[in-house]
Amino acid sequence: MQNSQNKIVIAIIVVGIFFLGLYIVGQQEIKKSVDSLEMEFNDFKVDKLSILPPEMDLTLTYKVNNPSNMPLKISLDGDIYYGATKISPLTVKERMIPAMDYGYIDAQISLNGSIIQAIGDPHNQVNYKLKGTTTVTVQYLGVIPVNVKLDLAELES
């Protein structure tokens, strides 16, 4: 009886180590795929504009190029900055980017008052920056979900 229980425990440990190894290898492969992702600003659309009080809602569109052979689900969580000034939180729910292809992600932001004035000032030569993280999820071997987190600054080209 004791011998049978030992075999079961050993089998469970071996299976656990096997799946842990698959997960670690999968995470490394996915990290390589994520490192090859490129994201660039593509377009914007004004959703709402108000003069008094000064407010503007925008949809920013980013093009994400996925040169890897794995379809990737990406989500973003961070903030958009105009120079050192935080403009708006930036959250994008999970979107699928096909393998060896590109996709688009949309982010909604709201601007008001002094931020609109600073952005509209022609003497202000400041760049936009994204700060935060992106999470990439892949079904490794079609069944094991593997997540990789990456700093948004590493994706911008």
N, C-alpha and C. Protein backbone atom coordinates (compact mmCIF):
# COMPACT_ATOMS: atom_id res chain seq x y z
N MET A 1 0.82 -1.19 0.00
CA MET A 1 0.00 0.00 0.00
C MET A 1 0.87 1.26 0.00
N GLN A 2 1.88 1.26 0.86
CA GLN A 2 2.79 2.39 0.95
C GLN A 2 3.54 2.58 -0.37
N ASN A 3 3.95 1.48 -1.00
CA ASN A 3 4.67 1.51 -2.28
C ASN A 3 3.80 2.12 -3.37
N SER A 4 2.53 1.80 -3.39
CA SER A 4 1.58 2.32 -4.37
C SER A 4 1.39 3.83 -4.19
N GLN A 5 1.30 4.29 -2.95
CA GLN A 5 1.15 5.72 -2.68
C GLN A 5 2.40 6.49 -3.09
N ASN A 6 3.57 5.89 -2.86
CA ASN A 6 4.82 6.54 -3.27
C ASN A 6 4.87 6.71 -4.78
N LYS A 7 4.42 5.70 -5.53
CA LYS A 7 4.41 5.79 -6.99
C LYS A 7 3.48 6.89 -7.47
N ILE A 8 2.34 7.03 -6.81
CA ILE A 8 1.38 8.07 -7.20
C ILE A 8 1.97 9.45 -6.93
N VAL A 9 2.59 9.63 -5.76
CA VAL A 9 3.21 10.91 -5.41
C VAL A 9 4.33 11.25 -6.40
N ILE A 10 5.16 10.26 -6.73
CA ILE A 10 6.24 10.48 -7.68
C ILE A 10 5.69 10.84 -9.05
N ALA A 11 4.63 10.16 -9.48
CA ALA A 11 4.01 10.45 -10.78
C ALA A 11 3.46 11.88 -10.81
N ILE A 12 2.83 12.31 -9.73
CA ILE A 12 2.29 13.67 -9.67
C ILE A 12 3.42 14.70 -9.73
N ILE A 13 4.50 14.42 -9.01
CA ILE A 13 5.65 15.34 -9.03
C ILE A 13 6.26 15.42 -10.43
N VAL A 14 6.42 14.27 -11.10
CA VAL A 14 7.00 14.24 -12.44
C VAL A 14 6.11 15.01 -13.43
N VAL A 15 4.80 14.80 -13.35
CA VAL A 15 3.89 15.51 -14.24
C VAL A 15 3.94 17.02 -13.96
N GLY A 16 3.99 17.39 -12.68
CA GLY A 16 4.08 18.81 -12.31
C GLY A 16 5.35 19.45 -12.85
N ILE A 17 6.48 18.75 -12.70
CA ILE A 17 7.75 19.28 -13.22
C ILE A 17 7.71 19.39 -14.74
N PHE A 18 7.09 18.41 -15.41
CA PHE A 18 6.97 18.44 -16.87
C PHE A 18 6.20 19.69 -17.31
N PHE A 19 5.03 19.95 -16.68
CA PHE A 19 4.23 21.11 -17.07
C PHE A 19 4.90 22.42 -16.69
N LEU A 20 5.61 22.45 -15.58
CA LEU A 20 6.36 23.64 -15.21
C LEU A 20 7.45 23.92 -16.25
N GLY A 21 8.13 22.87 -16.70
CA GLY A 21 9.14 23.03 -17.74
C GLY A 21 8.55 23.55 -19.03
N LEU A 22 7.38 23.00 -19.43
CA LEU A 22 6.69 23.49 -20.63
C LEU A 22 6.34 24.96 -20.50
N TYR A 23 5.86 25.33 -19.31
CA TYR A 23 5.47 26.72 -19.08
C TYR A 23 6.69 27.65 -19.20
N ILE A 24 7.80 27.27 -18.60
CA ILE A 24 9.01 28.10 -18.64
C ILE A 24 9.55 28.22 -20.06
N VAL A 25 9.59 27.11 -20.80
CA VAL A 25 10.04 27.16 -22.19
C VAL A 25 9.09 28.01 -23.03
N GLY A 26 7.80 27.83 -22.81
CA GLY A 26 6.80 28.63 -23.53
C GLY A 26 6.95 30.11 -23.25
N GLN A 27 7.20 30.44 -21.99
CA GLN A 27 7.36 31.84 -21.63
C GLN A 27 8.58 32.45 -22.32
N GLN A 28 9.66 31.69 -22.44
CA GLN A 28 10.85 32.19 -23.13
C GLN A 28 10.58 32.40 -24.62
N GLU A 29 9.89 31.45 -25.25
CA GLU A 29 9.55 31.61 -26.67
C GLU A 29 8.64 32.81 -26.88
N ILE A 30 7.68 32.98 -25.99
CA ILE A 30 6.75 34.09 -26.12
C ILE A 30 7.48 35.41 -25.88
N LYS A 31 8.40 35.44 -24.94
CA LYS A 31 9.19 36.65 -24.68
C LYS A 31 9.93 37.09 -25.94
N LYS A 32 10.47 36.11 -26.70
CA LYS A 32 11.15 36.45 -27.96
C LYS A 32 10.15 37.06 -28.94
N SER A 33 8.95 36.48 -29.00
CA SER A 33 7.92 37.02 -29.90
C SER A 33 7.50 38.42 -29.48
N VAL A 34 7.35 38.61 -28.17
CA VAL A 34 6.95 39.92 -27.66
C VAL A 34 8.03 40.95 -27.94
N ASP A 35 9.29 40.57 -27.80
CA ASP A 35 10.38 41.50 -28.06
C ASP A 35 10.39 41.97 -29.52
N SER A 36 9.82 41.19 -30.42
CA SER A 36 9.80 41.59 -31.83
C SER A 36 8.59 42.46 -32.17
N LEU A 37 7.63 42.62 -31.25
CA LEU A 37 6.48 43.49 -31.49
C LEU A 37 6.92 44.93 -31.69
N GLU A 38 6.21 45.63 -32.56
CA GLU A 38 6.45 47.06 -32.76
C GLU A 38 5.11 47.78 -32.70
N MET A 39 5.08 48.91 -32.01
CA MET A 39 3.85 49.68 -31.89
C MET A 39 4.14 51.12 -32.27
N GLU A 40 3.29 51.68 -33.13
CA GLU A 40 3.47 53.07 -33.53
C GLU A 40 2.12 53.76 -33.61
N PHE A 41 2.13 55.06 -33.31
CA PHE A 41 0.91 55.86 -33.41
C PHE A 41 0.46 55.88 -34.86
N ASN A 42 -0.84 55.68 -35.09
CA ASN A 42 -1.35 55.61 -36.45
C ASN A 42 -2.33 56.74 -36.77
N ASP A 43 -3.27 57.02 -35.86
CA ASP A 43 -4.33 57.97 -36.18
C ASP A 43 -5.03 58.40 -34.89
N PHE A 44 -5.86 59.42 -35.01
CA PHE A 44 -6.71 59.79 -33.88
C PHE A 44 -8.05 60.29 -34.41
N LYS A 45 -9.04 60.26 -33.53
CA LYS A 45 -10.38 60.72 -33.88
C LYS A 45 -10.92 61.51 -32.69
N VAL A 46 -11.52 62.66 -32.97
CA VAL A 46 -12.15 63.46 -31.92
C VAL A 46 -13.56 62.92 -31.71
N ASP A 47 -13.81 62.42 -30.50
CA ASP A 47 -15.13 61.85 -30.19
C ASP A 47 -16.07 62.90 -29.61
N LYS A 48 -15.51 63.84 -28.85
CA LYS A 48 -16.33 64.87 -28.21
C LYS A 48 -15.47 66.12 -28.07
N LEU A 49 -16.07 67.27 -28.33
CA LEU A 49 -15.36 68.54 -28.21
C LEU A 49 -16.29 69.56 -27.57
N SER A 50 -15.81 70.20 -26.53
CA SER A 50 -16.58 71.22 -25.83
C SER A 50 -15.68 72.44 -25.63
N ILE A 51 -16.21 73.63 -25.93
CA ILE A 51 -15.42 74.84 -25.77
C ILE A 51 -15.50 75.37 -24.34
N LEU A 52 -16.70 75.38 -23.76
CA LEU A 52 -16.86 75.82 -22.37
C LEU A 52 -17.59 74.73 -21.60
N PRO A 53 -17.00 74.13 -20.65
CA PRO A 53 -15.59 74.14 -20.30
C PRO A 53 -14.78 73.42 -21.37
N PRO A 54 -13.50 73.78 -21.51
CA PRO A 54 -12.70 73.13 -22.55
C PRO A 54 -12.45 71.65 -22.23
N GLU A 55 -13.02 70.79 -23.06
CA GLU A 55 -12.87 69.34 -22.90
C GLU A 55 -12.82 68.69 -24.27
N MET A 56 -12.11 67.59 -24.34
CA MET A 56 -12.02 66.85 -25.59
C MET A 56 -11.81 65.38 -25.27
N ASP A 57 -12.60 64.54 -25.93
CA ASP A 57 -12.40 63.09 -25.83
C ASP A 57 -11.86 62.62 -27.17
N LEU A 58 -10.77 61.87 -27.12
CA LEU A 58 -10.10 61.38 -28.32
C LEU A 58 -10.01 59.87 -28.31
N THR A 59 -9.97 59.30 -29.50
CA THR A 59 -9.62 57.89 -29.66
C THR A 59 -8.30 57.87 -30.41
N LEU A 60 -7.27 57.34 -29.75
CA LEU A 60 -5.96 57.19 -30.38
C LEU A 60 -5.86 55.79 -30.94
N THR A 61 -5.36 55.67 -32.16
CA THR A 61 -5.20 54.36 -32.79
C THR A 61 -3.72 54.08 -32.98
N TYR A 62 -3.31 52.93 -32.48
CA TYR A 62 -1.92 52.47 -32.61
C TYR A 62 -1.90 51.23 -33.49
N LYS A 63 -0.91 51.18 -34.36
CA LYS A 63 -0.70 50.00 -35.21
C LYS A 63 0.33 49.11 -34.50
N VAL A 64 -0.01 47.84 -34.34
CA VAL A 64 0.89 46.89 -33.70
C VAL A 64 1.29 45.84 -34.72
N ASN A 65 2.58 45.76 -35.00
CA ASN A 65 3.12 44.81 -35.97
C ASN A 65 3.63 43.58 -35.21
N ASN A 66 3.15 42.40 -35.62
CA ASN A 66 3.56 41.14 -34.99
C ASN A 66 4.29 40.28 -36.02
N PRO A 67 5.64 40.39 -36.10
CA PRO A 67 6.38 39.60 -37.08
C PRO A 67 6.62 38.15 -36.66
N SER A 68 6.15 37.77 -35.48
CA SER A 68 6.39 36.40 -35.00
C SER A 68 5.37 35.44 -35.62
N ASN A 69 5.59 34.16 -35.41
CA ASN A 69 4.67 33.14 -35.96
C ASN A 69 3.63 32.72 -34.94
N MET A 70 3.41 33.53 -33.89
CA MET A 70 2.40 33.25 -32.87
C MET A 70 1.38 34.38 -32.83
N PRO A 71 0.08 34.05 -32.88
CA PRO A 71 -0.91 35.11 -32.65
C PRO A 71 -0.83 35.52 -31.18
N LEU A 72 -0.87 36.82 -30.93
CA LEU A 72 -0.70 37.34 -29.58
C LEU A 72 -1.91 38.16 -29.16
N LYS A 73 -2.34 37.97 -27.92
CA LYS A 73 -3.38 38.81 -27.33
C LYS A 73 -2.67 39.83 -26.46
N ILE A 74 -2.88 41.12 -26.76
CA ILE A 74 -2.21 42.13 -25.96
C ILE A 74 -3.21 43.06 -25.29
N SER A 75 -2.84 43.53 -24.12
CA SER A 75 -3.62 44.55 -23.41
C SER A 75 -2.64 45.58 -22.85
N LEU A 76 -3.11 46.80 -22.68
CA LEU A 76 -2.26 47.89 -22.20
C LEU A 76 -2.86 48.46 -20.93
N ASP A 77 -2.00 48.86 -20.02
CA ASP A 77 -2.43 49.53 -18.80
C ASP A 77 -1.36 50.54 -18.42
N GLY A 78 -1.67 51.81 -18.56
CA GLY A 78 -0.67 52.82 -18.25
C GLY A 78 -1.24 54.21 -18.36
N ASP A 79 -0.39 55.14 -18.73
CA ASP A 79 -0.76 56.55 -18.85
C ASP A 79 -0.09 57.12 -20.08
N ILE A 80 -0.71 58.17 -20.63
CA ILE A 80 -0.10 58.90 -21.73
C ILE A 80 0.36 60.24 -21.18
N TYR A 81 1.59 60.61 -21.54
CA TYR A 81 2.21 61.85 -21.05
C TYR A 81 2.51 62.77 -22.22
N TYR A 82 2.37 64.06 -21.98
CA TYR A 82 2.81 65.09 -22.91
C TYR A 82 3.98 65.77 -22.22
N GLY A 83 5.19 65.38 -22.60
CA GLY A 83 6.37 65.80 -21.85
C GLY A 83 6.33 65.13 -20.48
N ALA A 84 6.38 65.95 -19.42
CA ALA A 84 6.33 65.42 -18.06
C ALA A 84 4.91 65.45 -17.49
N THR A 85 3.95 65.97 -18.26
CA THR A 85 2.59 66.12 -17.78
C THR A 85 1.75 64.90 -18.13
N LYS A 86 1.17 64.30 -17.11
CA LYS A 86 0.26 63.16 -17.33
C LYS A 86 -1.03 63.69 -17.94
N ILE A 87 -1.36 63.17 -19.12
CA ILE A 87 -2.56 63.62 -19.81
C ILE A 87 -3.77 62.80 -19.38
N SER A 88 -3.62 61.49 -19.44
CA SER A 88 -4.78 60.65 -19.21
C SER A 88 -4.35 59.21 -18.96
N PRO A 89 -5.15 58.49 -18.18
CA PRO A 89 -4.89 57.04 -18.09
C PRO A 89 -5.14 56.39 -19.45
N LEU A 90 -4.47 55.30 -19.68
CA LEU A 90 -4.58 54.60 -20.96
C LEU A 90 -4.78 53.12 -20.66
N THR A 91 -5.96 52.63 -20.97
CA THR A 91 -6.26 51.21 -20.74
C THR A 91 -6.87 50.64 -22.01
N VAL A 92 -6.31 49.54 -22.47
CA VAL A 92 -6.83 48.85 -23.64
C VAL A 92 -7.08 47.40 -23.24
N LYS A 93 -8.31 46.96 -23.42
CA LYS A 93 -8.64 45.57 -23.12
C LYS A 93 -7.98 44.67 -24.14
N GLU A 94 -7.89 43.41 -23.82
CA GLU A 94 -7.17 42.43 -24.64
C GLU A 94 -7.64 42.44 -26.10
N ARG A 95 -6.66 42.54 -27.01
CA ARG A 95 -6.92 42.52 -28.46
C ARG A 95 -6.01 41.49 -29.12
N MET A 96 -6.51 40.77 -30.09
CA MET A 96 -5.73 39.76 -30.81
C MET A 96 -4.96 40.41 -31.95
N ILE A 97 -3.66 40.13 -32.01
CA ILE A 97 -2.82 40.56 -33.12
C ILE A 97 -2.37 39.29 -33.84
N PRO A 98 -2.81 39.09 -35.09
CA PRO A 98 -2.50 37.84 -35.81
C PRO A 98 -1.00 37.64 -36.02
N ALA A 99 -0.61 36.38 -36.17
CA ALA A 99 0.79 36.05 -36.45
C ALA A 99 1.18 36.57 -37.83
N MET A 100 2.42 37.04 -37.95
CA MET A 100 2.97 37.52 -39.22
C MET A 100 2.08 38.59 -39.86
N ASP A 101 1.49 39.44 -39.04
CA ASP A 101 0.55 40.43 -39.52
C ASP A 101 0.56 41.62 -38.55
N TYR A 102 -0.38 42.50 -38.72
CA TYR A 102 -0.51 43.63 -37.83
C TYR A 102 -1.96 43.80 -37.45
N GLY A 103 -2.18 44.54 -36.39
CA GLY A 103 -3.52 44.84 -35.94
C GLY A 103 -3.53 46.24 -35.35
N TYR A 104 -4.69 46.71 -35.01
CA TYR A 104 -4.84 48.05 -34.46
C TYR A 104 -5.46 47.98 -33.08
N ILE A 105 -5.00 48.86 -32.20
CA ILE A 105 -5.61 48.98 -30.90
C ILE A 105 -6.04 50.42 -30.72
N ASP A 106 -7.21 50.61 -30.13
CA ASP A 106 -7.75 51.94 -29.89
C ASP A 106 -7.72 52.24 -28.40
N ALA A 107 -7.35 53.46 -28.07
CA ALA A 107 -7.32 53.89 -26.68
C ALA A 107 -8.09 55.21 -26.57
N GLN A 108 -9.02 55.27 -25.63
CA GLN A 108 -9.80 56.48 -25.42
C GLN A 108 -9.13 57.31 -24.32
N ILE A 109 -8.97 58.61 -24.58
CA ILE A 109 -8.44 59.52 -23.57
C ILE A 109 -9.32 60.76 -23.50
N SER A 110 -9.28 61.41 -22.34
CA SER A 110 -10.03 62.65 -22.13
C SER A 110 -9.05 63.75 -21.77
N LEU A 111 -9.22 64.90 -22.39
CA LEU A 111 -8.36 66.07 -22.14
C LEU A 111 -9.24 67.21 -21.66
N ASN A 112 -8.65 68.08 -20.81
CA ASN A 112 -9.41 69.25 -20.37
C ASN A 112 -8.48 70.41 -20.07
N GLY A 113 -9.05 71.59 -19.97
CA GLY A 113 -8.42 72.83 -19.55
C GLY A 113 -6.99 73.07 -19.97
N SER A 114 -6.11 73.14 -18.97
CA SER A 114 -4.72 73.53 -19.21
C SER A 114 -3.97 72.52 -20.08
N ILE A 115 -4.38 71.28 -20.05
CA ILE A 115 -3.72 70.26 -20.89
C ILE A 115 -3.98 70.57 -22.36
N ILE A 116 -5.23 70.93 -22.69
CA ILE A 116 -5.55 71.29 -24.08
C ILE A 116 -4.76 72.53 -24.49
N GLN A 117 -4.67 73.49 -23.58
CA GLN A 117 -3.92 74.72 -23.88
C GLN A 117 -2.44 74.41 -24.12
N ALA A 118 -1.84 73.56 -23.30
CA ALA A 118 -0.42 73.21 -23.47
C ALA A 118 -0.19 72.48 -24.77
N ILE A 119 -1.08 71.57 -25.12
CA ILE A 119 -0.93 70.81 -26.36
C ILE A 119 -1.09 71.71 -27.58
N GLY A 120 -2.02 72.69 -27.49
CA GLY A 120 -2.28 73.57 -28.62
C GLY A 120 -1.28 74.69 -28.79
N ASP A 121 -0.39 74.89 -27.83
CA ASP A 121 0.61 75.96 -27.90
C ASP A 121 1.67 75.62 -28.95
N PRO A 122 1.79 76.43 -30.05
CA PRO A 122 2.75 76.11 -31.11
C PRO A 122 4.21 76.22 -30.65
N HIS A 123 4.47 76.92 -29.54
CA HIS A 123 5.83 77.05 -29.02
C HIS A 123 6.24 75.85 -28.17
N ASN A 124 5.30 75.01 -27.89
CA ASN A 124 5.54 73.84 -27.05
C ASN A 124 5.95 72.66 -27.93
N GLN A 125 7.20 72.33 -27.97
CA GLN A 125 7.72 71.24 -28.81
C GLN A 125 8.02 70.02 -27.94
N VAL A 126 6.99 69.41 -27.40
CA VAL A 126 7.14 68.28 -26.50
C VAL A 126 6.55 67.04 -27.17
N ASN A 127 7.12 65.89 -26.88
CA ASN A 127 6.63 64.64 -27.45
C ASN A 127 5.71 63.91 -26.49
N TYR A 128 4.85 63.08 -27.07
CA TYR A 128 3.98 62.22 -26.30
C TYR A 128 4.76 60.97 -25.91
N LYS A 129 4.46 60.43 -24.73
CA LYS A 129 5.08 59.19 -24.30
C LYS A 129 4.04 58.32 -23.62
N LEU A 130 4.18 57.02 -23.81
CA LEU A 130 3.35 56.06 -23.10
C LEU A 130 4.18 55.47 -21.97
N LYS A 131 3.58 55.40 -20.79
CA LYS A 131 4.24 54.77 -19.66
C LYS A 131 3.26 53.77 -19.06
N GLY A 132 3.78 52.60 -18.76
CA GLY A 132 2.93 51.57 -18.18
C GLY A 132 3.40 50.20 -18.64
N THR A 133 2.47 49.26 -18.65
CA THR A 133 2.82 47.89 -19.05
C THR A 133 1.86 47.35 -20.08
N THR A 134 2.36 46.43 -20.85
CA THR A 134 1.50 45.66 -21.73
C THR A 134 1.60 44.21 -21.30
N THR A 135 0.50 43.52 -21.36
CA THR A 135 0.48 42.10 -21.04
C THR A 135 0.16 41.35 -22.32
N VAL A 136 0.99 40.38 -22.64
CA VAL A 136 0.79 39.56 -23.84
C VAL A 136 0.47 38.14 -23.38
N THR A 137 -0.61 37.60 -23.93
CA THR A 137 -1.03 36.24 -23.59
C THR A 137 -1.05 35.39 -24.85
N VAL A 138 -0.52 34.19 -24.73
CA VAL A 138 -0.50 33.23 -25.83
C VAL A 138 -0.93 31.88 -25.29
N GLN A 139 -1.68 31.14 -26.08
CA GLN A 139 -2.00 29.75 -25.73
C GLN A 139 -0.86 28.89 -26.25
N TYR A 140 0.13 28.64 -25.40
CA TYR A 140 1.30 27.86 -25.80
C TYR A 140 0.89 26.41 -26.03
N LEU A 141 1.31 25.85 -27.15
CA LEU A 141 0.93 24.50 -27.58
C LEU A 141 -0.59 24.36 -27.68
N GLY A 142 -1.26 25.49 -27.83
CA GLY A 142 -2.71 25.49 -28.00
C GLY A 142 -3.50 25.32 -26.73
N VAL A 143 -2.85 25.06 -25.59
CA VAL A 143 -3.61 24.80 -24.37
C VAL A 143 -3.11 25.55 -23.13
N ILE A 144 -1.84 25.84 -23.05
CA ILE A 144 -1.28 26.42 -21.83
C ILE A 144 -1.23 27.94 -21.98
N PRO A 145 -2.05 28.70 -21.22
CA PRO A 145 -1.97 30.16 -21.32
C PRO A 145 -0.71 30.67 -20.64
N VAL A 146 0.08 31.43 -21.39
CA VAL A 146 1.33 31.99 -20.87
C VAL A 146 1.27 33.50 -21.02
N ASN A 147 1.56 34.22 -19.93
CA ASN A 147 1.54 35.69 -19.93
C ASN A 147 2.96 36.23 -19.83
N VAL A 148 3.21 37.30 -20.57
CA VAL A 148 4.48 38.03 -20.48
C VAL A 148 4.15 39.50 -20.33
N LYS A 149 4.76 40.16 -19.34
CA LYS A 149 4.56 41.61 -19.15
C LYS A 149 5.78 42.34 -19.68
N LEU A 150 5.52 43.51 -20.27
CA LEU A 150 6.57 44.28 -20.90
C LEU A 150 6.28 45.77 -20.67
N ASP A 151 7.33 46.55 -20.50
CA ASP A 151 7.19 47.99 -20.35
C ASP A 151 6.75 48.58 -21.69
N LEU A 152 5.77 49.47 -21.68
CA LEU A 152 5.27 50.09 -22.92
C LEU A 152 6.36 50.82 -23.68
N ALA A 153 7.31 51.39 -23.00
CA ALA A 153 8.39 52.13 -23.66
C ALA A 153 9.19 51.23 -24.58
N GLU A 154 9.25 49.92 -24.29
CA GLU A 154 9.99 48.99 -25.12
C GLU A 154 9.27 48.68 -26.43
N LEU A 155 7.96 48.95 -26.49
CA LEU A 155 7.19 48.65 -27.70
C LEU A 155 7.18 49.79 -28.71
N GLU A 156 7.29 51.02 -28.25
CA GLU A 156 7.18 52.14 -29.16
C GLU A 156 8.37 52.21 -30.10
N SER A 157 8.06 52.45 -31.37
CA SER A 157 9.15 52.58 -32.35
C SER A 157 9.24 54.00 -32.83
